[in-house]
Amino acid sequence: MRNQILEDLKTAMKNQDKERLAVIRMVKGSIQMSELNKKHELSDEEVIEVISKEIKSRKDSINEFKKGGREDLIQKTQNEINILSEYLPKQLTEEEITEIIDAVFNKVKPESSKDMGKVMKELKPQVSGKADMGLVSKIVKNKIEKK
């Protein structure tokens, strides 16, 4: 994953693609910062986590830009999300997420919202990087409340 990012960085430099170059440099910096904090080279899963956090941050920014009516910033930020998304594994559909959640519910058998942590702990390795954890959490919460 890191090698792919470095290759894409070189390609963006050669093609003088300033927007892609800026996004790739930013994510490279985030990865390096995370490696400094963790004191080891990140695995592909950890790199995916860093990229997912960057995407989440941008989605939050888009919500703020919408409140402020800043269409120019919304489009720029959405383009950054699109570039970052290329490095994530294929995203699960809501139906696929629901199937995984159903399987975990059969295994964990949550009784109340107090068991949400157990469910999320079991789910995280299966969906991390492949799904928006906010959406996963929302689906789990709704499913527990219906019990």
N, C-alpha and C. Protein backbone atom coordinates (compact mmCIF):
# COMPACT_ATOMS: atom_id res chain seq x y z
N MET A 1 0.83 -1.19 0.00
CA MET A 1 0.00 0.00 0.00
C MET A 1 0.88 1.25 0.00
N ARG A 2 1.88 1.27 0.89
CA ARG A 2 2.78 2.44 0.95
C ARG A 2 3.49 2.62 -0.39
N ASN A 3 3.93 1.51 -0.98
CA ASN A 3 4.64 1.59 -2.26
C ASN A 3 3.73 2.15 -3.35
N GLN A 4 2.47 1.75 -3.32
CA GLN A 4 1.50 2.26 -4.30
C GLN A 4 1.35 3.76 -4.15
N ILE A 5 1.28 4.24 -2.92
CA ILE A 5 1.13 5.68 -2.66
C ILE A 5 2.38 6.42 -3.18
N LEU A 6 3.55 5.87 -2.92
CA LEU A 6 4.79 6.50 -3.39
C LEU A 6 4.86 6.53 -4.92
N GLU A 7 4.45 5.43 -5.55
CA GLU A 7 4.43 5.39 -7.03
C GLU A 7 3.46 6.42 -7.58
N ASP A 8 2.29 6.53 -6.95
CA ASP A 8 1.28 7.50 -7.40
C ASP A 8 1.78 8.92 -7.19
N LEU A 9 2.56 9.12 -6.14
CA LEU A 9 3.16 10.44 -5.89
C LEU A 9 4.09 10.82 -7.04
N LYS A 10 4.94 9.88 -7.45
CA LYS A 10 5.86 10.13 -8.57
C LYS A 10 5.09 10.41 -9.86
N THR A 11 4.06 9.61 -10.10
CA THR A 11 3.25 9.78 -11.31
C THR A 11 2.58 11.15 -11.32
N ALA A 12 2.04 11.55 -10.18
CA ALA A 12 1.37 12.85 -10.10
C ALA A 12 2.37 13.98 -10.34
N MET A 13 3.60 13.81 -9.86
CA MET A 13 4.65 14.81 -10.11
C MET A 13 4.96 14.91 -11.60
N LYS A 14 5.14 13.74 -12.24
CA LYS A 14 5.47 13.71 -13.67
C LYS A 14 4.34 14.34 -14.50
N ASN A 15 3.10 14.03 -14.12
CA ASN A 15 1.94 14.52 -14.88
C ASN A 15 1.55 15.94 -14.48
N GLN A 16 2.22 16.50 -13.50
CA GLN A 16 1.92 17.83 -12.97
C GLN A 16 0.45 17.97 -12.56
N ASP A 17 -0.06 16.90 -11.94
CA ASP A 17 -1.44 16.88 -11.43
C ASP A 17 -1.39 17.43 -10.01
N LYS A 18 -1.55 18.75 -9.89
CA LYS A 18 -1.33 19.43 -8.61
C LYS A 18 -2.30 18.99 -7.54
N GLU A 19 -3.56 18.79 -7.90
CA GLU A 19 -4.55 18.40 -6.89
C GLU A 19 -4.24 17.02 -6.33
N ARG A 20 -4.02 16.05 -7.21
CA ARG A 20 -3.69 14.69 -6.78
C ARG A 20 -2.39 14.68 -5.98
N LEU A 21 -1.43 15.44 -6.43
CA LEU A 21 -0.13 15.52 -5.76
C LEU A 21 -0.30 16.04 -4.33
N ALA A 22 -1.11 17.08 -4.16
CA ALA A 22 -1.34 17.65 -2.82
C ALA A 22 -2.00 16.63 -1.89
N VAL A 23 -2.99 15.90 -2.41
CA VAL A 23 -3.70 14.92 -1.59
C VAL A 23 -2.78 13.77 -1.20
N ILE A 24 -1.99 13.29 -2.16
CA ILE A 24 -1.09 12.17 -1.88
C ILE A 24 0.00 12.59 -0.89
N ARG A 25 0.50 13.80 -1.04
CA ARG A 25 1.51 14.29 -0.07
C ARG A 25 0.91 14.38 1.32
N MET A 26 -0.34 14.86 1.39
CA MET A 26 -1.01 14.97 2.69
C MET A 26 -1.15 13.60 3.35
N VAL A 27 -1.62 12.62 2.58
CA VAL A 27 -1.83 11.29 3.17
C VAL A 27 -0.49 10.65 3.51
N LYS A 28 0.54 10.90 2.71
CA LYS A 28 1.88 10.39 3.02
C LYS A 28 2.36 10.97 4.35
N GLY A 29 2.12 12.27 4.54
CA GLY A 29 2.49 12.92 5.80
C GLY A 29 1.72 12.33 6.98
N SER A 30 0.44 12.06 6.79
CA SER A 30 -0.37 11.46 7.86
C SER A 30 0.14 10.07 8.22
N ILE A 31 0.54 9.33 7.21
CA ILE A 31 1.07 7.98 7.44
C ILE A 31 2.39 8.07 8.21
N GLN A 32 3.25 9.00 7.80
CA GLN A 32 4.54 9.16 8.49
C GLN A 32 4.33 9.60 9.94
N MET A 33 3.38 10.49 10.17
CA MET A 33 3.09 10.95 11.53
C MET A 33 2.60 9.78 12.38
N SER A 34 1.74 8.97 11.82
CA SER A 34 1.24 7.80 12.54
C SER A 34 2.37 6.82 12.84
N GLU A 35 3.29 6.66 11.90
CA GLU A 35 4.43 5.77 12.13
C GLU A 35 5.32 6.29 13.25
N LEU A 36 5.51 7.59 13.28
CA LEU A 36 6.30 8.18 14.38
C LEU A 36 5.63 7.93 15.72
N ASN A 37 4.32 8.11 15.76
CA ASN A 37 3.58 7.92 17.01
C ASN A 37 3.59 6.46 17.46
N LYS A 38 3.47 5.54 16.50
CA LYS A 38 3.41 4.12 16.84
C LYS A 38 4.79 3.47 16.90
N LYS A 39 5.80 4.20 16.43
CA LYS A 39 7.19 3.73 16.47
C LYS A 39 7.41 2.43 15.67
N HIS A 40 6.67 2.25 14.58
CA HIS A 40 6.92 1.14 13.66
C HIS A 40 6.29 1.47 12.31
N GLU A 41 6.75 0.76 11.28
CA GLU A 41 6.18 0.97 9.95
C GLU A 41 4.77 0.39 9.92
N LEU A 42 3.84 1.15 9.36
CA LEU A 42 2.44 0.73 9.37
C LEU A 42 2.19 -0.43 8.42
N SER A 43 1.31 -1.32 8.85
CA SER A 43 0.86 -2.40 7.98
C SER A 43 -0.18 -1.82 7.01
N ASP A 44 -0.57 -2.60 6.01
CA ASP A 44 -1.59 -2.12 5.07
C ASP A 44 -2.89 -1.78 5.79
N GLU A 45 -3.25 -2.59 6.79
CA GLU A 45 -4.49 -2.33 7.55
C GLU A 45 -4.41 -0.99 8.27
N GLU A 46 -3.25 -0.71 8.84
CA GLU A 46 -3.07 0.56 9.56
C GLU A 46 -3.07 1.75 8.59
N VAL A 47 -2.51 1.55 7.40
CA VAL A 47 -2.53 2.60 6.38
C VAL A 47 -3.97 2.88 5.97
N ILE A 48 -4.76 1.82 5.82
CA ILE A 48 -6.18 1.97 5.47
C ILE A 48 -6.90 2.75 6.57
N GLU A 49 -6.58 2.47 7.83
CA GLU A 49 -7.19 3.22 8.94
C GLU A 49 -6.86 4.71 8.84
N VAL A 50 -5.61 5.04 8.52
CA VAL A 50 -5.20 6.44 8.39
C VAL A 50 -5.99 7.10 7.26
N ILE A 51 -6.10 6.42 6.13
CA ILE A 51 -6.82 6.98 4.99
C ILE A 51 -8.30 7.14 5.34
N SER A 52 -8.87 6.16 6.04
CA SER A 52 -10.28 6.25 6.45
C SER A 52 -10.52 7.46 7.35
N LYS A 53 -9.57 7.71 8.26
CA LYS A 53 -9.70 8.88 9.15
C LYS A 53 -9.65 10.17 8.34
N GLU A 54 -8.78 10.21 7.34
CA GLU A 54 -8.68 11.41 6.49
C GLU A 54 -10.00 11.64 5.74
N ILE A 55 -10.58 10.56 5.25
CA ILE A 55 -11.86 10.67 4.53
C ILE A 55 -12.95 11.14 5.47
N LYS A 56 -12.99 10.56 6.68
CA LYS A 56 -14.00 10.97 7.66
C LYS A 56 -13.86 12.45 7.98
N SER A 57 -12.64 12.91 8.15
CA SER A 57 -12.37 14.31 8.44
C SER A 57 -12.93 15.20 7.32
N ARG A 58 -12.73 14.78 6.09
CA ARG A 58 -13.21 15.56 4.95
C ARG A 58 -14.73 15.55 4.86
N LYS A 59 -15.34 14.42 5.19
CA LYS A 59 -16.81 14.37 5.18
C LYS A 59 -17.37 15.32 6.23
N ASP A 60 -16.73 15.37 7.39
CA ASP A 60 -17.15 16.32 8.42
C ASP A 60 -17.01 17.75 7.92
N SER A 61 -15.91 18.01 7.22
CA SER A 61 -15.68 19.36 6.67
C SER A 61 -16.76 19.72 5.66
N ILE A 62 -17.14 18.76 4.83
CA ILE A 62 -18.18 19.02 3.83
C ILE A 62 -19.48 19.45 4.52
N ASN A 63 -19.82 18.77 5.62
CA ASN A 63 -21.03 19.15 6.36
C ASN A 63 -20.95 20.59 6.85
N GLU A 64 -19.79 20.99 7.32
CA GLU A 64 -19.60 22.37 7.78
C GLU A 64 -19.67 23.35 6.61
N PHE A 65 -19.08 22.97 5.48
CA PHE A 65 -19.10 23.85 4.31
C PHE A 65 -20.54 24.04 3.80
N LYS A 66 -21.34 22.97 3.89
CA LYS A 66 -22.75 23.08 3.47
C LYS A 66 -23.48 24.10 4.33
N LYS A 67 -23.21 24.06 5.62
CA LYS A 67 -23.84 25.03 6.53
C LYS A 67 -23.45 26.46 6.17
N GLY A 68 -22.21 26.63 5.71
CA GLY A 68 -21.71 27.95 5.37
C GLY A 68 -21.96 28.34 3.92
N GLY A 69 -22.55 27.42 3.14
CA GLY A 69 -22.85 27.70 1.75
C GLY A 69 -21.60 27.84 0.87
N ARG A 70 -20.55 27.11 1.19
CA ARG A 70 -19.29 27.21 0.44
C ARG A 70 -19.19 26.09 -0.60
N GLU A 71 -19.89 26.27 -1.72
CA GLU A 71 -19.92 25.26 -2.78
C GLU A 71 -18.52 24.98 -3.34
N ASP A 72 -17.69 26.02 -3.44
CA ASP A 72 -16.34 25.84 -3.98
C ASP A 72 -15.52 24.87 -3.12
N LEU A 73 -15.63 25.01 -1.80
CA LEU A 73 -14.88 24.13 -0.89
C LEU A 73 -15.48 22.73 -0.85
N ILE A 74 -16.80 22.65 -1.01
CA ILE A 74 -17.46 21.34 -1.02
C ILE A 74 -16.92 20.50 -2.17
N GLN A 75 -16.86 21.09 -3.36
CA GLN A 75 -16.39 20.35 -4.54
C GLN A 75 -14.92 19.96 -4.41
N LYS A 76 -14.10 20.87 -3.92
CA LYS A 76 -12.67 20.59 -3.75
C LYS A 76 -12.47 19.44 -2.75
N THR A 77 -13.21 19.49 -1.65
CA THR A 77 -13.09 18.46 -0.62
C THR A 77 -13.62 17.12 -1.13
N GLN A 78 -14.69 17.15 -1.92
CA GLN A 78 -15.24 15.91 -2.49
C GLN A 78 -14.22 15.28 -3.44
N ASN A 79 -13.52 16.10 -4.20
CA ASN A 79 -12.48 15.58 -5.09
C ASN A 79 -11.37 14.90 -4.28
N GLU A 80 -11.02 15.49 -3.13
CA GLU A 80 -10.00 14.88 -2.26
C GLU A 80 -10.48 13.53 -1.75
N ILE A 81 -11.76 13.46 -1.37
CA ILE A 81 -12.33 12.18 -0.89
C ILE A 81 -12.25 11.14 -2.01
N ASN A 82 -12.58 11.54 -3.23
CA ASN A 82 -12.54 10.61 -4.36
C ASN A 82 -11.13 10.07 -4.58
N ILE A 83 -10.13 10.93 -4.46
CA ILE A 83 -8.74 10.49 -4.64
C ILE A 83 -8.35 9.53 -3.51
N LEU A 84 -8.69 9.87 -2.27
CA LEU A 84 -8.34 9.02 -1.13
C LEU A 84 -9.06 7.67 -1.21
N SER A 85 -10.29 7.67 -1.71
CA SER A 85 -11.08 6.44 -1.78
C SER A 85 -10.46 5.40 -2.69
N GLU A 86 -9.64 5.84 -3.63
CA GLU A 86 -8.97 4.90 -4.53
C GLU A 86 -8.05 3.94 -3.77
N TYR A 87 -7.62 4.33 -2.59
CA TYR A 87 -6.68 3.51 -1.82
C TYR A 87 -7.38 2.56 -0.85
N LEU A 88 -8.69 2.69 -0.73
CA LEU A 88 -9.43 1.82 0.18
C LEU A 88 -9.88 0.57 -0.56
N PRO A 89 -10.07 -0.52 0.18
CA PRO A 89 -10.63 -1.71 -0.46
C PRO A 89 -12.05 -1.41 -0.94
N LYS A 90 -12.57 -2.27 -1.79
CA LYS A 90 -13.94 -2.09 -2.29
C LYS A 90 -14.88 -1.97 -1.08
N GLN A 91 -15.70 -0.93 -1.10
CA GLN A 91 -16.60 -0.67 0.02
C GLN A 91 -17.79 -1.62 0.00
N LEU A 92 -18.21 -2.04 1.19
CA LEU A 92 -19.36 -2.94 1.32
C LEU A 92 -20.65 -2.15 1.10
N THR A 93 -21.65 -2.83 0.53
CA THR A 93 -22.96 -2.19 0.39
C THR A 93 -23.67 -2.29 1.74
N GLU A 94 -24.75 -1.53 1.88
CA GLU A 94 -25.49 -1.57 3.14
C GLU A 94 -26.06 -2.96 3.40
N GLU A 95 -26.45 -3.66 2.33
CA GLU A 95 -26.98 -5.03 2.49
C GLU A 95 -25.88 -5.97 3.00
N GLU A 96 -24.67 -5.83 2.44
CA GLU A 96 -23.56 -6.68 2.89
C GLU A 96 -23.22 -6.38 4.35
N ILE A 97 -23.25 -5.11 4.71
CA ILE A 97 -22.98 -4.73 6.10
C ILE A 97 -24.02 -5.36 7.01
N THR A 98 -25.29 -5.28 6.61
CA THR A 98 -26.38 -5.84 7.41
C THR A 98 -26.21 -7.35 7.59
N GLU A 99 -25.79 -8.04 6.53
CA GLU A 99 -25.56 -9.49 6.63
C GLU A 99 -24.47 -9.81 7.65
N ILE A 100 -23.38 -9.05 7.61
CA ILE A 100 -22.28 -9.26 8.56
C ILE A 100 -22.77 -8.98 9.98
N ILE A 101 -23.54 -7.91 10.14
CA ILE A 101 -24.07 -7.56 11.47
C ILE A 101 -24.99 -8.67 11.97
N ASP A 102 -25.85 -9.21 11.10
CA ASP A 102 -26.75 -10.30 11.50
C ASP A 102 -25.94 -11.51 12.00
N ALA A 103 -24.86 -11.83 11.29
CA ALA A 103 -24.02 -12.97 11.70
C ALA A 103 -23.40 -12.71 13.07
N VAL A 104 -22.93 -11.48 13.30
CA VAL A 104 -22.33 -11.13 14.59
C VAL A 104 -23.39 -11.17 15.70
N PHE A 105 -24.61 -10.70 15.39
CA PHE A 105 -25.69 -10.74 16.38
C PHE A 105 -25.99 -12.18 16.78
N ASN A 106 -25.98 -13.11 15.81
CA ASN A 106 -26.23 -14.51 16.12
C ASN A 106 -25.13 -15.09 17.01
N LYS A 107 -23.93 -14.58 16.84
CA LYS A 107 -22.79 -15.07 17.63
C LYS A 107 -22.78 -14.45 19.03
N VAL A 108 -22.92 -13.11 19.11
CA VAL A 108 -22.78 -12.38 20.37
C VAL A 108 -24.07 -12.40 21.19
N LYS A 109 -25.21 -12.39 20.50
CA LYS A 109 -26.54 -12.35 21.13
C LYS A 109 -26.68 -11.19 22.13
N PRO A 110 -26.62 -9.95 21.63
CA PRO A 110 -26.73 -8.80 22.53
C PRO A 110 -28.12 -8.70 23.15
N GLU A 111 -28.17 -8.32 24.42
CA GLU A 111 -29.43 -8.20 25.16
C GLU A 111 -29.94 -6.76 25.16
N SER A 112 -29.01 -5.80 25.27
CA SER A 112 -29.41 -4.40 25.35
C SER A 112 -28.30 -3.53 24.76
N SER A 113 -28.49 -2.22 24.83
CA SER A 113 -27.49 -1.30 24.28
C SER A 113 -26.16 -1.40 25.04
N LYS A 114 -26.18 -1.99 26.22
CA LYS A 114 -24.94 -2.19 26.98
C LYS A 114 -23.99 -3.14 26.26
N ASP A 115 -24.55 -4.00 25.40
CA ASP A 115 -23.74 -4.98 24.67
C ASP A 115 -23.21 -4.45 23.34
N MET A 116 -23.46 -3.19 23.06
CA MET A 116 -23.03 -2.63 21.77
C MET A 116 -21.51 -2.72 21.60
N GLY A 117 -20.77 -2.50 22.67
CA GLY A 117 -19.31 -2.59 22.61
C GLY A 117 -18.84 -3.97 22.18
N LYS A 118 -19.50 -5.00 22.70
CA LYS A 118 -19.15 -6.38 22.33
C LYS A 118 -19.39 -6.60 20.83
N VAL A 119 -20.53 -6.11 20.36
CA VAL A 119 -20.89 -6.28 18.95
C VAL A 119 -19.88 -5.54 18.07
N MET A 120 -19.58 -4.29 18.42
CA MET A 120 -18.66 -3.48 17.61
C MET A 120 -17.25 -4.08 17.62
N LYS A 121 -16.84 -4.63 18.76
CA LYS A 121 -15.52 -5.25 18.86
C LYS A 121 -15.42 -6.44 17.89
N GLU A 122 -16.49 -7.19 17.79
CA GLU A 122 -16.53 -8.35 16.90
C GLU A 122 -16.61 -7.90 15.43
N LEU A 123 -17.31 -6.80 15.18
CA LEU A 123 -17.53 -6.31 13.81
C LEU A 123 -16.31 -5.62 13.22
N LYS A 124 -15.61 -4.86 14.03
CA LYS A 124 -14.55 -3.98 13.52
C LYS A 124 -13.55 -4.68 12.61
N PRO A 125 -13.00 -5.84 12.99
CA PRO A 125 -12.03 -6.47 12.09
C PRO A 125 -12.64 -6.88 10.73
N GLN A 126 -13.94 -7.14 10.72
CA GLN A 126 -14.59 -7.60 9.50
C GLN A 126 -14.92 -6.47 8.53
N VAL A 127 -15.18 -5.27 9.06
CA VAL A 127 -15.64 -4.18 8.20
C VAL A 127 -14.71 -2.98 8.16
N SER A 128 -13.70 -2.95 9.00
CA SER A 128 -12.81 -1.79 9.07
C SER A 128 -12.16 -1.52 7.71
N GLY A 129 -12.28 -0.28 7.24
CA GLY A 129 -11.73 0.11 5.96
C GLY A 129 -12.62 -0.22 4.78
N LYS A 130 -13.59 -1.11 5.01
CA LYS A 130 -14.49 -1.51 3.93
C LYS A 130 -15.86 -0.87 4.08
N ALA A 131 -16.08 -0.19 5.21
CA ALA A 131 -17.38 0.43 5.44
C ALA A 131 -17.21 1.62 6.38
N ASP A 132 -18.10 2.57 6.25
CA ASP A 132 -18.12 3.73 7.14
C ASP A 132 -18.57 3.24 8.52
N MET A 133 -17.67 3.36 9.50
CA MET A 133 -17.98 2.85 10.84
C MET A 133 -19.16 3.60 11.48
N GLY A 134 -19.39 4.83 11.08
CA GLY A 134 -20.56 5.57 11.58
C GLY A 134 -21.85 4.90 11.13
N LEU A 135 -21.88 4.48 9.87
CA LEU A 135 -23.05 3.77 9.33
C LEU A 135 -23.21 2.44 10.03
N VAL A 136 -22.12 1.72 10.22
CA VAL A 136 -22.17 0.41 10.89
C VAL A 136 -22.73 0.59 12.30
N SER A 137 -22.22 1.57 13.02
CA SER A 137 -22.67 1.84 14.38
C SER A 137 -24.17 2.16 14.41
N LYS A 138 -24.62 2.96 13.45
CA LYS A 138 -26.03 3.34 13.39
C LYS A 138 -26.92 2.12 13.15
N ILE A 139 -26.50 1.25 12.24
CA ILE A 139 -27.28 0.04 11.95
C ILE A 139 -27.33 -0.86 13.18
N VAL A 140 -26.19 -1.03 13.86
CA VAL A 140 -26.14 -1.87 15.07
C VAL A 140 -27.06 -1.29 16.14
N LYS A 141 -26.97 0.02 16.35
CA LYS A 141 -27.79 0.67 17.37
C LYS A 141 -29.28 0.47 17.09
N ASN A 142 -29.70 0.66 15.84
CA ASN A 142 -31.10 0.46 15.48
C ASN A 142 -31.54 -0.98 15.69
N LYS A 143 -30.66 -1.92 15.35
CA LYS A 143 -30.98 -3.34 15.49
C LYS A 143 -31.10 -3.72 16.97
N ILE A 144 -30.24 -3.17 17.81
CA ILE A 144 -30.31 -3.48 19.25
C ILE A 144 -31.59 -2.88 19.85
N GLU A 145 -31.93 -1.68 19.44
CA GLU A 145 -33.13 -1.02 19.99
C GLU A 145 -34.41 -1.76 19.61
N LYS A 146 -34.40 -2.46 18.47
CA LYS A 146 -35.60 -3.19 18.02
C LYS A 146 -35.80 -4.48 18.80
N LYS A 147 -34.77 -4.92 19.50
CA LYS A 147 -34.87 -6.19 20.27
C LYS A 147 -35.73 -6.01 21.49
